[in-house]
Amino acid sequence: MKPYDIELQRPIGMHHDKGVLELRMDALVQARSLRDDSPPGSTFRIPVDHARTLLMLLKQQLAELDKLQPRSRRSGRA
């Protein structure tokens, strides 16, 4: 696995289609060299303001998805 440093520059938008959320953003992606003392994995860096924006967009998208789901019906009760 090749690790990357991913820095979010600017969130552009988010939408859902067929059960998948798609995030559009400007990001800086750089390959990172593996070190013996660090676990292998990629790092995602995001400013607090952008994190709040993404959280707000995610909540909106999930609320829209919840509206599309049918209400569960009670079964097995007389």
PDB file of N, CA and C in Angstrom:
ATOM      1  N   MET A   1       0.846  -1.175   0.000  1.00  0.00           N
ATOM      2  CA  MET A   1       0.000   0.000   0.000  1.00  0.00           C
ATOM      3  C   MET A   1       0.887   1.232   0.000  1.00  0.00           C
ATOM      4  N   LYS A   2       0.593   2.156  -0.883  1.00  0.00           N
ATOM      5  CA  LYS A   2       1.373   3.381  -0.962  1.00  0.00           C
ATOM      6  C   LYS A   2       0.632   4.490  -0.213  1.00  0.00           C
ATOM      7  N   PRO A   3       1.251   5.062   0.825  1.00  0.00           N
ATOM      8  CA  PRO A   3       0.553   6.113   1.597  1.00  0.00           C
ATOM      9  C   PRO A   3       0.638   7.471   0.904  1.00  0.00           C
ATOM     10  N   TYR A   4      -0.388   8.275   1.156  1.00  0.00           N
ATOM     11  CA  TYR A   4      -0.463   9.623   0.593  1.00  0.00           C
ATOM     12  C   TYR A   4      -0.777  10.622   1.693  1.00  0.00           C
ATOM     13  N   ASP A   5      -0.338  11.843   1.499  1.00  0.00           N
ATOM     14  CA  ASP A   5      -0.786  12.980   2.296  1.00  0.00           C
ATOM     15  C   ASP A   5      -1.813  13.712   1.440  1.00  0.00           C
ATOM     16  N   ILE A   6      -3.028  13.829   1.938  1.00  0.00           N
ATOM     17  CA  ILE A   6      -4.122  14.459   1.199  1.00  0.00           C
ATOM     18  C   ILE A   6      -4.552  15.691   1.981  1.00  0.00           C
ATOM     19  N   GLU A   7      -4.441  16.843   1.353  1.00  0.00           N
ATOM     20  CA  GLU A   7      -4.826  18.095   2.007  1.00  0.00           C
ATOM     21  C   GLU A   7      -5.991  18.704   1.248  1.00  0.00           C
ATOM     22  N   LEU A   8      -7.103  18.865   1.937  1.00  0.00           N
ATOM     23  CA  LEU A   8      -8.284  19.452   1.325  1.00  0.00           C
ATOM     24  C   LEU A   8      -8.073  20.948   1.170  1.00  0.00           C
ATOM     25  N   GLN A   9      -8.160  21.433  -0.057  1.00  0.00           N
ATOM     26  CA  GLN A   9      -7.995  22.849  -0.342  1.00  0.00           C
ATOM     27  C   GLN A   9      -9.326  23.595  -0.245  1.00  0.00           C
ATOM     28  N   ARG A  10     -10.377  22.985  -0.855  1.00  0.00           N
ATOM     29  CA  ARG A  10     -11.673  23.658  -0.881  1.00  0.00           C
ATOM     30  C   ARG A  10     -12.766  22.651  -1.193  1.00  0.00           C
ATOM     31  N   PRO A  11     -13.793  22.553  -0.324  1.00  0.00           N
ATOM     32  CA  PRO A  11     -14.939  21.707  -0.672  1.00  0.00           C
ATOM     33  C   PRO A  11     -15.796  22.414  -1.713  1.00  0.00           C
ATOM     34  N   ILE A  12     -16.244  21.679  -2.718  1.00  0.00           N
ATOM     35  CA  ILE A  12     -17.039  22.271  -3.782  1.00  0.00           C
ATOM     36  C   ILE A  12     -18.505  21.888  -3.632  1.00  0.00           C
ATOM     37  N   GLY A  13     -18.776  20.633  -3.350  1.00  0.00           N
ATOM     38  CA  GLY A  13     -20.161  20.224  -3.205  1.00  0.00           C
ATOM     39  C   GLY A  13     -20.263  18.735  -2.931  1.00  0.00           C
ATOM     40  N   MET A  14     -21.497  18.292  -2.693  1.00  0.00           N
ATOM     41  CA  MET A  14     -21.738  16.892  -2.403  1.00  0.00           C
ATOM     42  C   MET A  14     -23.115  16.532  -2.933  1.00  0.00           C
ATOM     43  N   HIS A  15     -23.242  15.331  -3.481  1.00  0.00           N
ATOM     44  CA  HIS A  15     -24.552  14.831  -3.878  1.00  0.00           C
ATOM     45  C   HIS A  15     -24.558  13.316  -3.764  1.00  0.00           C
ATOM     46  N   HIS A  16     -25.756  12.755  -3.769  1.00  0.00           N
ATOM     47  CA  HIS A  16     -25.874  11.306  -3.687  1.00  0.00           C
ATOM     48  C   HIS A  16     -26.576  10.784  -4.932  1.00  0.00           C
ATOM     49  N   ASP A  17     -26.186   9.558  -5.301  1.00  0.00           N
ATOM     50  CA  ASP A  17     -26.791   8.908  -6.452  1.00  0.00           C
ATOM     51  C   ASP A  17     -26.660   7.405  -6.272  1.00  0.00           C
ATOM     52  N   LYS A  18     -27.781   6.732  -6.232  1.00  0.00           N
ATOM     53  CA  LYS A  18     -27.832   5.275  -6.138  1.00  0.00           C
ATOM     54  C   LYS A  18     -27.061   4.733  -4.945  1.00  0.00           C
ATOM     55  N   GLY A  19     -27.247   5.346  -3.796  1.00  0.00           N
ATOM     56  CA  GLY A  19     -26.641   4.840  -2.572  1.00  0.00           C
ATOM     57  C   GLY A  19     -25.192   5.233  -2.351  1.00  0.00           C
ATOM     58  N   VAL A  20     -24.662   6.139  -3.164  1.00  0.00           N
ATOM     59  CA  VAL A  20     -23.271   6.569  -3.015  1.00  0.00           C
ATOM     60  C   VAL A  20     -23.233   8.087  -2.861  1.00  0.00           C
ATOM     61  N   LEU A  21     -22.521   8.569  -1.856  1.00  0.00           N
ATOM     62  CA  LEU A  21     -22.303  10.003  -1.698  1.00  0.00           C
ATOM     63  C   LEU A  21     -21.032  10.380  -2.445  1.00  0.00           C
ATOM     64  N   GLU A  22     -21.117  11.427  -3.232  1.00  0.00           N
ATOM     65  CA  GLU A  22     -19.962  11.886  -3.997  1.00  0.00           C
ATOM     66  C   GLU A  22     -19.583  13.280  -3.527  1.00  0.00           C
ATOM     67  N   LEU A  23     -18.340  13.453  -3.137  1.00  0.00           N
ATOM     68  CA  LEU A  23     -17.818  14.728  -2.659  1.00  0.00           C
ATOM     69  C   LEU A  23     -16.923  15.320  -3.730  1.00  0.00           C
ATOM     70  N   ARG A  24     -17.212  16.547  -4.121  1.00  0.00           N
ATOM     71  CA  ARG A  24     -16.353  17.253  -5.062  1.00  0.00           C
ATOM     72  C   ARG A  24     -15.513  18.243  -4.272  1.00  0.00           C
ATOM     73  N   MET A  25     -14.206  18.228  -4.509  1.00  0.00           N
ATOM     74  CA  MET A  25     -13.314  19.095  -3.753  1.00  0.00           C
ATOM     75  C   MET A  25     -12.038  19.330  -4.532  1.00  0.00           C
ATOM     76  N   ASP A  26     -11.356  20.399  -4.174  1.00  0.00           N
ATOM     77  CA  ASP A  26      -9.999  20.638  -4.635  1.00  0.00           C
ATOM     78  C   ASP A  26      -9.079  20.118  -3.542  1.00  0.00           C
ATOM     79  N   ALA A  27      -8.129  19.279  -3.926  1.00  0.00           N
ATOM     80  CA  ALA A  27      -7.249  18.689  -2.922  1.00  0.00           C
ATOM     81  C   ALA A  27      -5.827  18.586  -3.462  1.00  0.00           C
ATOM     82  N   LEU A  28      -4.873  18.632  -2.548  1.00  0.00           N
ATOM     83  CA  LEU A  28      -3.471  18.441  -2.864  1.00  0.00           C
ATOM     84  C   LEU A  28      -3.109  17.034  -2.397  1.00  0.00           C
ATOM     85  N   VAL A  29      -2.677  16.188  -3.324  1.00  0.00           N
ATOM     86  CA  VAL A  29      -2.345  14.801  -3.005  1.00  0.00           C
ATOM     87  C   VAL A  29      -0.875  14.577  -3.306  1.00  0.00           C
ATOM     88  N   GLN A  30      -0.134  14.144  -2.290  1.00  0.00           N
ATOM     89  CA  GLN A  30       1.296  13.888  -2.453  1.00  0.00           C
ATOM     90  C   GLN A  30       1.630  12.514  -1.885  1.00  0.00           C
ATOM     91  N   ALA A  31       2.464  11.779  -2.614  1.00  0.00           N
ATOM     92  CA  ALA A  31       2.923  10.483  -2.112  1.00  0.00           C
ATOM     93  C   ALA A  31       3.832  10.716  -0.905  1.00  0.00           C
ATOM     94  N   ARG A  32       3.728   9.816   0.062  1.00  0.00           N
ATOM     95  CA  ARG A  32       4.528   9.942   1.283  1.00  0.00           C
ATOM     96  C   ARG A  32       5.423   8.720   1.396  1.00  0.00           C
ATOM     97  N   SER A  33       6.661   8.930   1.808  1.00  0.00           N
ATOM     98  CA  SER A  33       7.574   7.806   1.980  1.00  0.00           C
ATOM     99  C   SER A  33       7.270   7.090   3.291  1.00  0.00           C
ATOM    100  N   LEU A  34       7.417   5.773   3.256  1.00  0.00           N
ATOM    101  CA  LEU A  34       7.186   4.981   4.454  1.00  0.00           C
ATOM    102  C   LEU A  34       8.355   5.106   5.411  1.00  0.00           C
ATOM    103  N   ARG A  35       8.032   5.251   6.667  1.00  0.00           N
ATOM    104  CA  ARG A  35       9.052   5.268   7.716  1.00  0.00           C
ATOM    105  C   ARG A  35       8.858   4.026   8.572  1.00  0.00           C
ATOM    106  N   ASP A  36       9.916   3.576   9.173  1.00  0.00           N
ATOM    107  CA  ASP A  36       9.831   2.369   9.990  1.00  0.00           C
ATOM    108  C   ASP A  36       8.979   2.571  11.236  1.00  0.00           C
ATOM    109  N   ASP A  37       8.981   3.788  11.801  1.00  0.00           N
ATOM    110  CA  ASP A  37       8.273   4.019  13.061  1.00  0.00           C
ATOM    111  C   ASP A  37       6.799   4.396  12.887  1.00  0.00           C
ATOM    112  N   SER A  38       6.359   4.674  11.655  1.00  0.00           N
ATOM    113  CA  SER A  38       4.965   5.074  11.456  1.00  0.00           C
ATOM    114  C   SER A  38       4.176   3.946  10.796  1.00  0.00           C
ATOM    115  N   PRO A  39       2.913   3.806  11.179  1.00  0.00           N
ATOM    116  CA  PRO A  39       2.093   2.759  10.559  1.00  0.00           C
ATOM    117  C   PRO A  39       1.780   3.117   9.107  1.00  0.00           C
ATOM    118  N   PRO A  40       1.677   2.121   8.226  1.00  0.00           N
ATOM    119  CA  PRO A  40       1.352   2.425   6.827  1.00  0.00           C
ATOM    120  C   PRO A  40      -0.090   2.899   6.713  1.00  0.00           C
ATOM    121  N   GLY A  41      -0.293   3.979   6.044  1.00  0.00           N
ATOM    122  CA  GLY A  41      -1.637   4.522   5.856  1.00  0.00           C
ATOM    123  C   GLY A  41      -1.555   5.935   5.332  1.00  0.00           C
ATOM    124  N   SER A  42      -2.634   6.393   4.763  1.00  0.00           N
ATOM    125  CA  SER A  42      -2.692   7.743   4.211  1.00  0.00           C
ATOM    126  C   SER A  42      -3.217   8.704   5.265  1.00  0.00           C
ATOM    127  N   THR A  43      -2.861   9.969   5.110  1.00  0.00           N
ATOM    128  CA  THR A  43      -3.284  11.015   6.035  1.00  0.00           C
ATOM    129  C   THR A  43      -4.151  12.021   5.291  1.00  0.00           C
ATOM    130  N   PHE A  44      -5.290  12.365   5.891  1.00  0.00           N
ATOM    131  CA  PHE A  44      -6.208  13.349   5.318  1.00  0.00           C
ATOM    132  C   PHE A  44      -6.195  14.557   6.231  1.00  0.00           C
ATOM    133  N   ARG A  45      -5.766  15.682   5.719  1.00  0.00           N
ATOM    134  CA  ARG A  45      -5.710  16.918   6.504  1.00  0.00           C
ATOM    135  C   ARG A  45      -6.779  17.880   6.001  1.00  0.00           C
ATOM    136  N   ILE A  46      -7.446  18.509   6.974  1.00  0.00           N
ATOM    137  CA  ILE A  46      -8.550  19.382   6.616  1.00  0.00           C
ATOM    138  C   ILE A  46      -8.642  20.523   7.631  1.00  0.00           C
ATOM    139  N   PRO A  47      -8.750  21.768   7.153  1.00  0.00           N
ATOM    140  CA  PRO A  47      -8.940  22.883   8.075  1.00  0.00           C
ATOM    141  C   PRO A  47     -10.290  22.771   8.790  1.00  0.00           C
ATOM    142  N   VAL A  48     -10.379  23.315   9.976  1.00  0.00           N
ATOM    143  CA  VAL A  48     -11.592  23.225  10.788  1.00  0.00           C
ATOM    144  C   VAL A  48     -12.795  23.821  10.054  1.00  0.00           C
ATOM    145  N   ASP A  49     -12.616  24.949   9.400  1.00  0.00           N
ATOM    146  CA  ASP A  49     -13.735  25.568   8.674  1.00  0.00           C
ATOM    147  C   ASP A  49     -14.265  24.646   7.578  1.00  0.00           C
ATOM    148  N   HIS A  50     -13.360  23.988   6.850  1.00  0.00           N
ATOM    149  CA  HIS A  50     -13.785  23.068   5.803  1.00  0.00           C
ATOM    150  C   HIS A  50     -14.435  21.825   6.409  1.00  0.00           C
ATOM    151  N   ALA A  51     -13.943  21.372   7.550  1.00  0.00           N
ATOM    152  CA  ALA A  51     -14.539  20.208   8.221  1.00  0.00           C
ATOM    153  C   ALA A  51     -15.980  20.516   8.624  1.00  0.00           C
ATOM    154  N   ARG A  52     -16.212  21.712   9.109  1.00  0.00           N
ATOM    155  CA  ARG A  52     -17.580  22.104   9.480  1.00  0.00           C
ATOM    156  C   ARG A  52     -18.483  22.174   8.259  1.00  0.00           C
ATOM    157  N   THR A  53     -17.947  22.687   7.157  1.00  0.00           N
ATOM    158  CA  THR A  53     -18.721  22.738   5.916  1.00  0.00           C
ATOM    159  C   THR A  53     -19.056  21.334   5.439  1.00  0.00           C
ATOM    160  N   LEU A  54     -18.077  20.431   5.479  1.00  0.00           N
ATOM    161  CA  LEU A  54     -18.326  19.060   5.054  1.00  0.00           C
ATOM    162  C   LEU A  54     -19.337  18.363   5.956  1.00  0.00           C
ATOM    163  N   LEU A  55     -19.262  18.619   7.245  1.00  0.00           N
ATOM    164  CA  LEU A  55     -20.221  18.025   8.179  1.00  0.00           C
ATOM    165  C   LEU A  55     -21.637  18.511   7.867  1.00  0.00           C
ATOM    166  N   MET A  56     -21.773  19.798   7.583  1.00  0.00           N
ATOM    167  CA  MET A  56     -23.072  20.360   7.245  1.00  0.00           C
ATOM    168  C   MET A  56     -23.604  19.748   5.946  1.00  0.00           C
ATOM    169  N   LEU A  57     -22.746  19.629   4.925  1.00  0.00           N
ATOM    170  CA  LEU A  57     -23.161  19.018   3.666  1.00  0.00           C
ATOM    171  C   LEU A  57     -23.550  17.556   3.863  1.00  0.00           C
ATOM    172  N   LEU A  58     -22.797  16.844   4.676  1.00  0.00           N
ATOM    173  CA  LEU A  58     -23.093  15.441   4.934  1.00  0.00           C
ATOM    174  C   LEU A  58     -24.429  15.276   5.652  1.00  0.00           C
ATOM    175  N   LYS A  59     -24.697  16.125   6.632  1.00  0.00           N
ATOM    176  CA  LYS A  59     -25.983  16.067   7.335  1.00  0.00           C
ATOM    177  C   LYS A  59     -27.139  16.340   6.388  1.00  0.00           C
ATOM    178  N   GLN A  60     -26.983  17.304   5.479  1.00  0.00           N
ATOM    179  CA  GLN A  60     -28.031  17.611   4.509  1.00  0.00           C
ATOM    180  C   GLN A  60     -28.292  16.417   3.595  1.00  0.00           C
ATOM    181  N   GLN A  61     -27.217  15.805   3.097  1.00  0.00           N
ATOM    182  CA  GLN A  61     -27.369  14.676   2.194  1.00  0.00           C
ATOM    183  C   GLN A  61     -28.013  13.485   2.891  1.00  0.00           C
ATOM    184  N   LEU A  62     -27.624  13.218   4.131  1.00  0.00           N
ATOM    185  CA  LEU A  62     -28.213  12.101   4.865  1.00  0.00           C
ATOM    186  C   LEU A  62     -29.686  12.357   5.178  1.00  0.00           C
ATOM    187  N   ALA A  63     -30.040  13.607   5.461  1.00  0.00           N
ATOM    188  CA  ALA A  63     -31.443  13.942   5.700  1.00  0.00           C
ATOM    189  C   ALA A  63     -32.268  13.718   4.431  1.00  0.00           C
ATOM    190  N   GLU A  64     -31.707  14.074   3.273  1.00  0.00           N
ATOM    191  CA  GLU A  64     -32.409  13.842   2.011  1.00  0.00           C
ATOM    192  C   GLU A  64     -32.574  12.350   1.742  1.00  0.00           C
ATOM    193  N   LEU A  65     -31.546  11.567   2.054  1.00  0.00           N
ATOM    194  CA  LEU A  65     -31.642  10.117   1.862  1.00  0.00           C
ATOM    195  C   LEU A  65     -32.682   9.515   2.788  1.00  0.00           C
ATOM    196  N   ASP A  66     -32.766  10.008   4.024  1.00  0.00           N
ATOM    197  CA  ASP A  66     -33.761   9.502   4.972  1.00  0.00           C
ATOM    198  C   ASP A  66     -35.178   9.779   4.495  1.00  0.00           C
ATOM    199  N   LYS A  67     -35.387  10.908   3.831  1.00  0.00           N
ATOM    200  CA  LYS A  67     -36.713  11.239   3.308  1.00  0.00           C
ATOM    201  C   LYS A  67     -37.130  10.268   2.205  1.00  0.00           C
ATOM    202  N   LEU A  68     -36.159   9.749   1.472  1.00  0.00           N
ATOM    203  CA  LEU A  68     -36.460   8.842   0.372  1.00  0.00           C
ATOM    204  C   LEU A  68     -36.775   7.431   0.839  1.00  0.00           C
ATOM    205  N   GLN A  69     -36.354   7.071   2.038  1.00  0.00           N
ATOM    206  CA  GLN A  69     -36.580   5.721   2.556  1.00  0.00           C
ATOM    207  C   GLN A  69     -38.028   5.574   3.014  1.00  0.00           C
ATOM    208  N   PRO A  70     -38.669   4.461   2.682  1.00  0.00           N
ATOM    209  CA  PRO A  70     -40.046   4.254   3.148  1.00  0.00           C
ATOM    210  C   PRO A  70     -40.054   4.018   4.658  1.00  0.00           C
ATOM    211  N   ARG A  71     -41.129   4.437   5.285  1.00  0.00           N
ATOM    212  CA  ARG A  71     -41.259   4.204   6.724  1.00  0.00           C
ATOM    213  C   ARG A  71     -41.416   2.718   6.964  1.00  0.00           C
ATOM    214  N   SER A  72     -40.782   2.258   8.013  1.00  0.00           N
ATOM    215  CA  SER A  72     -40.887   0.823   8.300  1.00  0.00           C
ATOM    216  C   SER A  72     -42.294   0.516   8.788  1.00  0.00           C
ATOM    217  N   ARG A  73     -42.767  -0.634   8.402  1.00  0.00           N
ATOM    218  CA  ARG A  73     -44.117  -1.065   8.793  1.00  0.00           C
ATOM    219  C   ARG A  73     -44.020  -2.016   9.952  1.00  0.00           C
ATOM    220  N   ARG A  74     -44.952  -1.922  10.829  1.00  0.00           N
ATOM    221  CA  ARG A  74     -44.985  -2.846  11.959  1.00  0.00           C
ATOM    222  C   ARG A  74     -45.444  -4.196  11.446  1.00  0.00           C
ATOM    223  N   SER A  75     -44.689  -5.223  11.785  1.00  0.00           N
ATOM    224  CA  SER A  75     -45.093  -6.554  11.339  1.00  0.00           C
ATOM    225  C   SER A  75     -45.141  -7.484  12.548  1.00  0.00           C
ATOM    226  N   GLY A  76     -46.026  -8.473  12.452  1.00  0.00           N
ATOM    227  CA  GLY A  76     -46.125  -9.447  13.503  1.00  0.00           C
ATOM    228  C   GLY A  76     -46.955  -9.010  14.705  1.00  0.00           C
ATOM    229  N   ARG A  77     -47.572  -7.861  14.632  1.00  0.00           N
ATOM    230  CA  ARG A  77     -48.422  -7.399  15.728  1.00  0.00           C
ATOM    231  C   ARG A  77     -49.880  -7.490  15.320  1.00  0.00           C
ATOM    232  N   ALA A  78     -50.680  -7.890  16.225  1.00  0.00           N
ATOM    233  CA  ALA A  78     -52.102  -8.033  15.922  1.00  0.00           C
ATOM    234  C   ALA A  78     -52.884  -6.831  16.377  1.00  0.00           C
TER     235      ALA A  78
END
